[in-house]
Amino acid sequence: MSGNDTAPGEPQRRRTRAAGGGLPRTPGTPGSRSRGSAGDPPAGHDAPRRPAGGPPASHGAPPPAAAGPPTSRDAPGGAASRDGAPDEGARDAASGIVAFLKRLPLRQIIVFAVAGIGLYFVWPQLIDLFSHLPQLRGILWLWFVLMGVLEVASFSCAWGLMRLTLNEKSWFLIATAQLTSNAVSRVIPGGAASGGTASYGMFTASGAPPERVISGLTATTLLSTSVLFSLPVLSLPAILFGGVTLATTLLHALIYGMSVFALILAAGAVALFFDKPLRAVGTLVERARNRLLRHRRPASGIPDRLVSERDLIKSMLGRRWWEALPYAAGNWLLDYSALLAALAATGARPRASLVLIAYVVAALLGMVPITPGGLGFVEVGLVATLGLAGVGAADATLATLAYRLVSFWMPIPAGGVAYVLYRRRYGTKDSPPATGATG
């Protein structure tokens, strides 16, 4: 049969295959078959097929709806467009990420970036330090118990100080808020700022007046930092006159610590009630700063700022200042005693006065908001300063690991438990998230 011959019944099949109108195709028209096998539609046309086993299409079937504008699927190269171009879901995800980054505060982005850069620089030293962790098994477990007791006592002093400055009677609220904020500051970049935000949110959510919370936390920070900065100054006589050699029993170090404690109380009392000594210290600090940083703008007004900050502390403490000073001093000296215990556990015999200098340097590094809790910088700095204090490299590394395990890592899970207990008592409706709330 030639390509133009028509077999019987052919008009019926053509009507069935016609795309519209119901009129049969005539031989020789563009839609007629040529060279194709029986039943194949001509190239470039999508003629409808009869479903298998189904009835033939009716002659009176309504014409299909008019075709709309061509889509990328029907246009030439539609398959390539489907395969090459990203789908709608990917575009939506990308736009969502961009929108999230735009909403993220610039300060938070900078904080995380600085933390990442800081960890990048100290990471090799930190990995090398942590490689000595298995050596901690060589330390008698009783030393860890002693360090744990000293750290618990140090935290208790911090709670007592906050209880006074915030005028809060609940030890439970003070302890859970402080442990939570401490854990937050050691997990999230930003240091004390992140922890302060967390504690502020927890205190205000429990019903404390926001103004009192802000003033109390500020007074706590000022008093605690002042005591920390006074430690090196008060240890100078011991350094100049030979210091104290650290004994295994810690007896001599305990006597030394009690002497520093008494000096802190005396200096704190003088600073609280007399302006002239405080202004003299401020003038000395201002002159030293301006001489060391000659290329910067000269600082001024430091004595007046010290007096105003002292007045804020006095206004928050009132007549209970004599209780606050021992709490502030005990917080640091008991933590320092934990470091002495770690050194004694390794068999090191450094001078306690030089160890105090190393401790203060490590504490200041922990306050710098580069990495969470000074992670990396404190470890590296403490090993280096202990080396300057006469501790061998191996003993300094082991003592640093033991001390940081008890003072830095163990309080983090304790903060998580404290926050759960806080939520159980004060409910979840107004309580802040773990990262802190601002109101």
Protein backbone atom coordinates (compact mmCIF):
# COMPACT_ATOMS: atom_id res chain seq x y z
CA MET A 1 0.00 0.00 0.00
CA SER A 2 1.45 3.38 -0.95
CA GLY A 3 1.89 6.20 1.50
CA ASN A 4 -1.24 7.98 0.04
CA ASP A 5 -3.60 5.02 -0.12
CA THR A 6 -6.47 4.94 2.32
CA ALA A 7 -7.48 1.72 3.97
CA PRO A 8 -11.05 0.99 4.99
CA GLY A 9 -11.87 2.48 8.36
CA GLU A 10 -9.05 4.93 8.09
CA PRO A 11 -11.23 8.06 8.46
CA GLN A 12 -12.55 6.68 11.75
CA ARG A 13 -9.04 6.20 13.14
CA ARG A 14 -7.99 9.64 11.89
CA ARG A 15 -10.96 11.21 13.57
CA THR A 16 -9.98 9.48 16.75
CA ARG A 17 -6.41 10.77 16.53
CA ALA A 18 -7.30 14.32 15.41
CA ALA A 19 -6.19 17.00 17.91
CA GLY A 20 -9.29 19.14 17.43
CA GLY A 21 -12.47 19.81 15.52
CA GLY A 22 -13.47 16.20 14.96
CA LEU A 23 -12.89 16.47 11.14
CA PRO A 24 -10.92 13.64 9.50
CA ARG A 25 -7.53 14.31 8.10
CA THR A 26 -7.30 13.99 4.35
CA PRO A 27 -4.40 12.39 2.52
CA GLY A 28 -1.71 14.82 1.56
CA THR A 29 -2.33 17.19 4.43
CA PRO A 30 0.51 18.03 6.78
CA GLY A 31 -0.99 15.74 9.43
CA SER A 32 -1.12 12.63 7.21
CA ARG A 33 1.15 9.66 7.84
CA SER A 34 4.28 9.27 5.75
CA ARG A 35 7.07 6.77 6.25
CA GLY A 36 5.96 6.13 9.78
CA SER A 37 4.77 2.83 11.05
CA ALA A 38 1.06 2.25 11.48
CA GLY A 39 -0.35 4.26 14.35
CA ASP A 40 2.73 6.51 14.85
CA PRO A 41 1.90 10.20 15.06
CA PRO A 42 3.79 12.50 12.78
CA ALA A 43 6.94 14.05 14.12
CA GLY A 44 6.34 17.21 16.12
CA HIS A 45 2.71 16.35 17.08
CA ASP A 46 1.38 14.87 20.28
CA ALA A 47 -1.76 13.22 19.04
CA PRO A 48 -3.87 11.67 21.82
CA ARG A 49 -3.92 7.93 22.01
CA ARG A 50 -6.87 5.77 22.91
CA PRO A 51 -6.41 4.17 26.30
CA ALA A 52 -5.61 0.49 26.14
CA GLY A 53 -8.83 -1.50 26.22
CA GLY A 54 -10.94 1.65 26.35
CA PRO A 55 -13.75 2.66 23.98
CA PRO A 56 -12.97 4.74 20.91
CA ALA A 57 -13.36 8.47 21.17
CA SER A 58 -16.80 9.75 20.35
CA HIS A 59 -17.41 11.68 17.15
CA GLY A 60 -19.18 14.31 19.19
CA ALA A 61 -16.43 14.86 21.74
CA PRO A 62 -16.05 18.55 22.55
CA PRO A 63 -12.93 20.22 21.24
CA PRO A 64 -10.12 20.64 23.77
CA ALA A 65 -9.50 23.96 25.40
CA ALA A 66 -7.45 26.43 23.47
CA ALA A 67 -3.76 26.04 24.12
CA GLY A 68 -2.20 28.75 26.23
CA PRO A 69 1.11 30.42 25.64
CA PRO A 70 4.01 28.01 25.32
CA THR A 71 5.81 27.16 28.52
CA SER A 72 9.42 26.29 29.07
CA ARG A 73 8.35 22.69 29.07
CA ASP A 74 6.78 22.90 25.58
CA ALA A 75 9.25 25.28 24.04
CA PRO A 76 12.18 24.01 22.07
CA GLY A 77 14.94 23.08 24.46
CA GLY A 78 12.45 22.70 27.34
CA ALA A 79 14.10 19.54 28.56
CA ALA A 80 17.45 21.31 28.75
CA SER A 81 15.81 24.13 30.71
CA ARG A 82 14.36 21.64 33.19
CA ASP A 83 17.71 19.94 33.70
CA GLY A 84 19.97 23.01 33.71
CA ALA A 85 18.04 25.70 35.59
CA PRO A 86 17.59 25.45 39.40
CA ASP A 87 14.09 24.50 40.51
CA GLU A 88 11.82 26.70 42.59
CA GLY A 89 12.70 24.97 45.88
CA ALA A 90 16.41 25.67 45.52
CA ARG A 91 15.74 29.31 44.65
CA ASP A 92 13.44 29.68 47.66
CA ALA A 93 16.05 28.12 49.98
CA ALA A 94 18.78 30.42 48.68
CA SER A 95 16.59 33.50 49.09
CA GLY A 96 15.66 32.37 52.62
CA ILE A 97 19.31 32.07 53.63
CA VAL A 98 20.06 35.51 52.22
CA ALA A 99 17.09 37.00 54.09
CA PHE A 100 18.25 35.35 57.35
CA LEU A 101 21.75 36.74 57.01
CA LYS A 102 20.33 40.20 56.36
CA ARG A 103 18.25 39.98 59.55
CA LEU A 104 21.23 38.79 61.62
CA PRO A 105 22.68 41.67 63.65
CA LEU A 106 26.02 42.88 62.36
CA ARG A 107 27.49 42.71 65.87
CA GLN A 108 26.62 39.02 66.15
CA ILE A 109 28.21 38.28 62.79
CA ILE A 110 31.38 40.11 63.85
CA VAL A 111 31.51 38.27 67.19
CA PHE A 112 31.25 34.85 65.55
CA ALA A 113 33.78 35.82 62.89
CA VAL A 114 36.29 37.01 65.49
CA ALA A 115 35.76 33.81 67.50
CA GLY A 116 36.42 31.70 64.41
CA ILE A 117 39.59 33.61 63.58
CA GLY A 118 40.80 33.36 67.17
CA LEU A 119 40.24 29.60 67.29
CA TYR A 120 42.01 29.26 63.97
CA PHE A 121 45.20 30.76 65.41
CA VAL A 122 45.21 28.82 68.70
CA TRP A 123 43.82 25.57 67.33
CA PRO A 124 47.19 23.84 66.75
CA GLN A 125 48.38 24.63 70.29
CA LEU A 126 45.00 23.59 71.70
CA ILE A 127 45.09 20.24 69.89
CA ASP A 128 48.63 19.65 71.13
CA LEU A 129 47.53 20.47 74.67
CA PHE A 130 44.52 18.15 74.55
CA SER A 131 46.70 15.33 73.28
CA HIS A 132 48.04 15.07 76.85
CA LEU A 133 44.60 14.40 78.34
CA PRO A 134 45.28 10.66 78.88
CA GLN A 135 48.05 11.65 81.30
CA LEU A 136 45.42 12.95 83.74
CA ARG A 137 44.85 9.34 84.75
CA GLY A 138 48.17 9.54 86.58
CA ILE A 139 46.79 12.12 89.06
CA LEU A 140 45.30 10.76 92.27
CA TRP A 141 41.52 11.17 92.19
CA LEU A 142 41.50 12.87 95.61
CA TRP A 143 43.15 15.90 94.02
CA PHE A 144 40.17 16.27 91.67
CA VAL A 145 37.83 16.02 94.66
CA LEU A 146 39.77 18.81 96.38
CA MET A 147 39.67 20.99 93.25
CA GLY A 148 35.94 20.34 92.90
CA VAL A 149 35.28 21.38 96.49
CA LEU A 150 37.30 24.57 96.01
CA GLU A 151 35.38 25.42 92.84
CA VAL A 152 32.03 24.84 94.56
CA ALA A 153 33.15 27.18 97.35
CA SER A 154 34.25 29.75 94.75
CA PHE A 155 30.86 29.62 93.02
CA SER A 156 29.13 29.93 96.42
CA CYS A 157 31.02 33.16 97.06
CA ALA A 158 29.87 34.48 93.68
CA TRP A 159 26.27 33.65 94.61
CA GLY A 160 26.63 35.42 97.95
CA LEU A 161 27.97 38.55 96.24
CA MET A 162 25.12 38.61 93.72
CA ARG A 163 22.59 38.04 96.48
CA LEU A 164 23.82 41.19 98.19
CA THR A 165 24.08 43.45 95.14
CA LEU A 166 20.71 42.34 93.75
CA ASN A 167 19.04 42.40 97.17
CA GLU A 168 17.60 38.97 96.36
CA LYS A 169 16.76 36.50 99.14
CA SER A 170 16.37 33.37 97.03
CA TRP A 171 19.60 31.37 96.88
CA PHE A 172 17.94 29.07 94.34
CA LEU A 173 17.29 31.88 91.85
CA ILE A 174 20.78 33.33 92.31
CA ALA A 175 22.50 29.96 91.90
CA THR A 176 20.54 28.80 88.84
CA ALA A 177 20.87 32.17 87.08
CA GLN A 178 24.61 32.40 87.75
CA LEU A 179 25.32 28.81 86.69
CA THR A 180 23.27 29.25 83.52
CA SER A 181 24.90 32.54 82.56
CA ASN A 182 28.32 31.08 83.31
CA ALA A 183 27.63 28.14 80.98
CA VAL A 184 26.30 30.44 78.25
CA SER A 185 29.39 32.64 78.39
CA ARG A 186 31.56 29.55 77.90
CA VAL A 187 29.61 28.19 74.94
CA ILE A 188 28.55 31.27 72.98
CA PRO A 189 31.07 33.87 71.71
CA GLY A 190 30.78 37.21 73.44
CA GLY A 191 32.00 36.24 76.88
CA ALA A 192 30.50 38.13 79.79
CA ALA A 193 28.07 40.02 77.53
CA SER A 194 26.31 36.79 76.51
CA GLY A 195 26.25 35.53 80.08
CA GLY A 196 24.99 38.85 81.42
CA THR A 197 22.15 38.85 78.92
CA ALA A 198 21.14 35.36 80.03
CA SER A 199 21.16 36.18 83.74
CA TYR A 200 19.29 39.45 83.16
CA GLY A 201 16.56 37.62 81.28
CA MET A 202 16.20 35.00 83.99
CA PHE A 203 16.05 37.52 86.84
CA THR A 204 13.49 39.72 85.13
CA ALA A 205 11.40 36.70 84.10
CA SER A 206 11.23 35.66 87.75
CA GLY A 207 9.73 39.05 88.66
CA ALA A 208 12.76 41.10 89.70
CA PRO A 209 12.63 44.80 88.72
CA PRO A 210 14.77 45.41 85.60
CA GLU A 211 16.39 48.56 87.04
CA ARG A 212 17.52 46.74 90.16
CA VAL A 213 18.83 43.81 88.11
CA ILE A 214 20.92 46.07 85.87
CA SER A 215 22.38 48.03 88.79
CA GLY A 216 23.06 44.90 90.80
CA LEU A 217 24.81 43.04 87.99
CA THR A 218 26.87 46.13 87.21
CA ALA A 219 27.94 46.48 90.85
CA THR A 220 28.84 42.79 90.98
CA THR A 221 31.03 43.08 87.89
CA LEU A 222 32.75 46.24 89.10
CA LEU A 223 33.53 44.87 92.55
CA SER A 224 34.68 41.48 91.30
CA THR A 225 36.91 43.00 88.59
CA SER A 226 38.40 45.48 91.06
CA VAL A 227 39.40 42.64 93.37
CA LEU A 228 40.97 40.72 90.48
CA PHE A 229 43.07 43.71 89.42
CA SER A 230 44.22 44.25 92.99
CA LEU A 231 45.65 40.73 93.31
CA PRO A 232 48.93 41.37 91.45
CA VAL A 233 49.49 44.63 93.32
CA LEU A 234 48.92 43.00 96.70
CA SER A 235 51.25 40.12 95.79
CA LEU A 236 54.19 42.43 94.97
CA PRO A 237 55.65 42.37 98.51
CA ALA A 238 55.76 38.58 98.46
CA ILE A 239 57.38 38.62 95.02
CA LEU A 240 60.03 41.15 96.05
CA PHE A 241 60.90 39.38 99.30
CA GLY A 242 61.13 35.85 97.98
CA GLY A 243 57.54 34.69 97.86
CA VAL A 244 56.32 31.34 99.11
CA THR A 245 57.30 27.95 97.75
CA LEU A 246 54.30 25.75 97.04
CA ALA A 247 54.26 22.75 99.36
CA THR A 248 52.40 19.54 98.69
CA THR A 249 50.25 20.10 101.76
CA LEU A 250 49.36 23.61 100.51
CA LEU A 251 49.90 24.91 104.04
CA HIS A 252 52.24 27.70 103.06
CA ALA A 253 50.10 28.60 100.08
CA LEU A 254 47.06 28.74 102.35
CA ILE A 255 48.83 31.16 104.67
CA TYR A 256 49.86 33.26 101.68
CA GLY A 257 46.29 33.28 100.39
CA MET A 258 44.94 34.38 103.75
CA SER A 259 47.44 37.24 103.81
CA VAL A 260 46.31 38.40 100.36
CA PHE A 261 42.70 38.03 101.48
CA ALA A 262 43.30 40.35 104.46
CA LEU A 263 45.03 42.89 102.23
CA ILE A 264 42.05 42.85 99.85
CA LEU A 265 39.64 43.55 102.68
CA ALA A 266 41.77 46.43 103.95
CA ALA A 267 42.25 47.95 100.51
CA GLY A 268 38.56 47.56 99.71
CA ALA A 269 37.51 49.30 102.90
CA VAL A 270 39.84 52.21 102.19
CA ALA A 271 38.57 52.53 98.62
CA LEU A 272 34.93 52.47 99.73
CA PHE A 273 35.22 55.24 102.32
CA PHE A 274 38.07 57.52 101.21
CA ASP A 275 38.24 59.42 97.92
CA LYS A 276 41.90 60.51 97.96
CA PRO A 277 43.50 57.02 97.76
CA LEU A 278 41.09 56.05 94.99
CA ARG A 279 41.79 59.23 93.04
CA ALA A 280 45.53 58.69 93.49
CA VAL A 281 45.25 55.23 91.98
CA GLY A 282 43.18 56.62 89.11
CA THR A 283 45.75 59.34 88.44
CA LEU A 284 48.56 56.78 88.42
CA VAL A 285 46.70 54.55 85.98
CA GLU A 286 45.89 57.51 83.74
CA ARG A 287 49.50 58.70 83.57
CA ALA A 288 50.81 55.20 82.89
CA ARG A 289 48.27 54.68 80.14
CA ASN A 290 49.08 57.98 78.44
CA ARG A 291 52.83 57.29 78.55
CA LEU A 292 52.51 53.79 77.16
CA LEU A 293 50.07 54.84 74.41
CA ARG A 294 51.57 58.14 73.32
CA HIS A 295 50.27 57.86 69.76
CA ARG A 296 46.66 57.68 70.90
CA ARG A 297 44.39 60.36 72.25
CA PRO A 298 45.26 61.05 75.91
CA ALA A 299 42.82 59.59 78.42
CA SER A 300 41.26 61.83 81.02
CA GLY A 301 38.75 61.58 83.85
CA ILE A 302 39.81 58.13 85.09
CA PRO A 303 39.90 59.24 88.79
CA ASP A 304 36.38 60.66 88.53
CA ARG A 305 35.09 57.48 86.88
CA LEU A 306 36.59 55.35 89.64
CA VAL A 307 34.86 57.45 92.28
CA SER A 308 31.50 57.30 90.48
CA GLU A 309 31.73 53.54 90.09
CA ARG A 310 32.66 53.23 93.76
CA ASP A 311 29.60 55.28 94.64
CA LEU A 312 27.41 52.92 92.58
CA ILE A 313 28.77 49.94 94.51
CA LYS A 314 28.16 51.68 97.82
CA SER A 315 24.61 52.60 96.87
CA MET A 316 23.84 48.95 96.02
CA LEU A 317 25.52 47.45 99.08
CA GLY A 318 24.75 50.03 101.74
CA ARG A 319 25.92 48.88 105.14
CA ARG A 320 26.50 45.33 103.93
CA TRP A 321 29.75 46.20 102.16
CA TRP A 322 31.70 44.25 104.77
CA GLU A 323 29.87 41.10 103.63
CA ALA A 324 30.41 41.78 99.92
CA LEU A 325 34.20 42.19 100.10
CA PRO A 326 34.86 38.71 101.55
CA TYR A 327 32.56 37.18 98.94
CA ALA A 328 34.36 39.00 96.10
CA ALA A 329 37.80 38.05 97.42
CA GLY A 330 36.80 34.46 98.16
CA ASN A 331 35.45 33.99 94.66
CA TRP A 332 38.87 34.59 93.10
CA LEU A 333 41.15 33.21 95.81
CA LEU A 334 39.32 29.89 96.05
CA ASP A 335 39.53 29.49 92.28
CA TYR A 336 43.22 30.36 92.51
CA SER A 337 43.57 27.71 95.21
CA ALA A 338 42.17 25.14 92.77
CA LEU A 339 45.03 25.99 90.41
CA LEU A 340 47.50 25.56 93.28
CA ALA A 341 45.98 22.15 94.00
CA ALA A 342 46.40 21.17 90.36
CA LEU A 343 50.07 22.16 90.50
CA ALA A 344 50.60 20.26 93.73
CA ALA A 345 48.98 17.19 92.16
CA THR A 346 51.65 17.18 89.45
CA GLY A 347 54.47 17.51 91.96
CA ALA A 348 55.43 21.05 90.91
CA ARG A 349 56.96 23.41 93.50
CA PRO A 350 56.60 26.98 92.15
CA ARG A 351 56.40 30.18 94.14
CA ALA A 352 52.76 30.85 95.01
CA SER A 353 53.16 34.60 94.40
CA LEU A 354 54.32 34.00 90.82
CA VAL A 355 51.52 31.50 90.29
CA LEU A 356 49.11 34.25 91.36
CA ILE A 357 50.45 36.48 88.57
CA ALA A 358 49.97 33.65 86.08
CA TYR A 359 46.44 33.11 87.39
CA VAL A 360 45.50 36.78 86.99
CA VAL A 361 46.83 36.81 83.42
CA ALA A 362 44.75 33.71 82.62
CA ALA A 363 41.66 35.27 84.21
CA LEU A 364 42.09 38.43 82.14
CA LEU A 365 42.49 36.36 78.97
CA GLY A 366 39.22 34.64 79.83
CA MET A 367 37.49 38.02 79.93
CA VAL A 368 38.56 38.97 76.41
CA PRO A 369 35.53 38.24 74.19
CA ILE A 370 37.42 36.52 71.38
CA THR A 371 36.51 32.89 71.99
CA PRO A 372 33.85 31.51 74.38
CA GLY A 373 35.30 31.67 77.88
CA GLY A 374 38.73 32.42 76.45
CA LEU A 375 38.97 28.86 75.12
CA GLY A 376 42.43 28.28 73.72
CA PHE A 377 43.86 31.61 74.82
CA VAL A 378 43.56 30.80 78.53
CA GLU A 379 45.14 27.37 78.14
CA VAL A 380 48.03 28.58 76.01
CA GLY A 381 48.57 31.68 78.15
CA LEU A 382 48.43 29.77 81.43
CA VAL A 383 50.97 27.19 80.29
CA ALA A 384 53.30 29.97 79.15
CA THR A 385 52.99 32.07 82.32
CA LEU A 386 53.39 29.02 84.56
CA GLY A 387 56.58 28.32 82.67
CA LEU A 388 57.77 31.82 83.53
CA ALA A 389 56.89 31.10 87.16
CA GLY A 390 59.34 28.20 87.15
CA VAL A 391 57.02 25.28 86.36
CA GLY A 392 58.29 22.70 83.90
CA ALA A 393 56.54 22.38 80.55
CA ALA A 394 55.14 18.92 81.29
CA ASP A 395 53.88 19.87 84.76
CA ALA A 396 52.43 23.16 83.48
CA THR A 397 50.54 21.37 80.71
CA LEU A 398 49.15 18.71 83.03
CA ALA A 399 48.19 21.19 85.75
CA THR A 400 46.46 23.44 83.20
CA LEU A 401 44.44 20.52 81.85
CA ALA A 402 43.39 19.42 85.34
CA TYR A 403 42.50 22.94 86.44
CA ARG A 404 40.51 23.78 83.30
CA LEU A 405 38.69 20.45 83.43
CA VAL A 406 37.30 21.31 86.86
CA SER A 407 36.92 25.09 86.53
CA PHE A 408 35.85 25.45 82.88
CA TRP A 409 34.35 22.24 81.49
CA MET A 410 32.50 20.76 84.46
CA PRO A 411 30.38 23.88 85.21
CA ILE A 412 28.95 23.81 81.65
CA PRO A 413 26.69 20.75 82.15
CA ALA A 414 25.93 22.06 85.64
CA GLY A 415 24.58 25.21 83.98
CA GLY A 416 22.29 23.13 81.76
CA VAL A 417 20.91 21.29 84.81
CA ALA A 418 20.45 24.61 86.62
CA TYR A 419 18.44 26.04 83.74
CA VAL A 420 16.16 22.99 83.68
CA LEU A 421 15.54 23.40 87.41
CA TYR A 422 14.87 27.10 86.89
CA ARG A 423 12.28 26.34 84.20
CA ARG A 424 10.57 23.79 86.42
CA ARG A 425 10.13 26.27 89.26
CA TYR A 426 9.34 29.45 87.33
CA GLY A 427 7.55 27.88 84.37
CA THR A 428 8.17 28.21 80.66
CA LYS A 429 5.82 31.02 79.68
CA ASP A 430 8.07 33.95 80.51
CA SER A 431 11.40 32.22 80.97
CA PRO A 432 14.13 33.13 78.49
CA PRO A 433 15.89 30.77 76.12
CA ALA A 434 19.25 29.34 77.05
CA THR A 435 21.04 32.07 75.10
CA GLY A 436 19.36 34.76 77.15
CA ALA A 437 16.59 37.24 76.57
CA THR A 438 16.71 40.98 76.61
CA GLY A 439 13.47 41.60 78.44
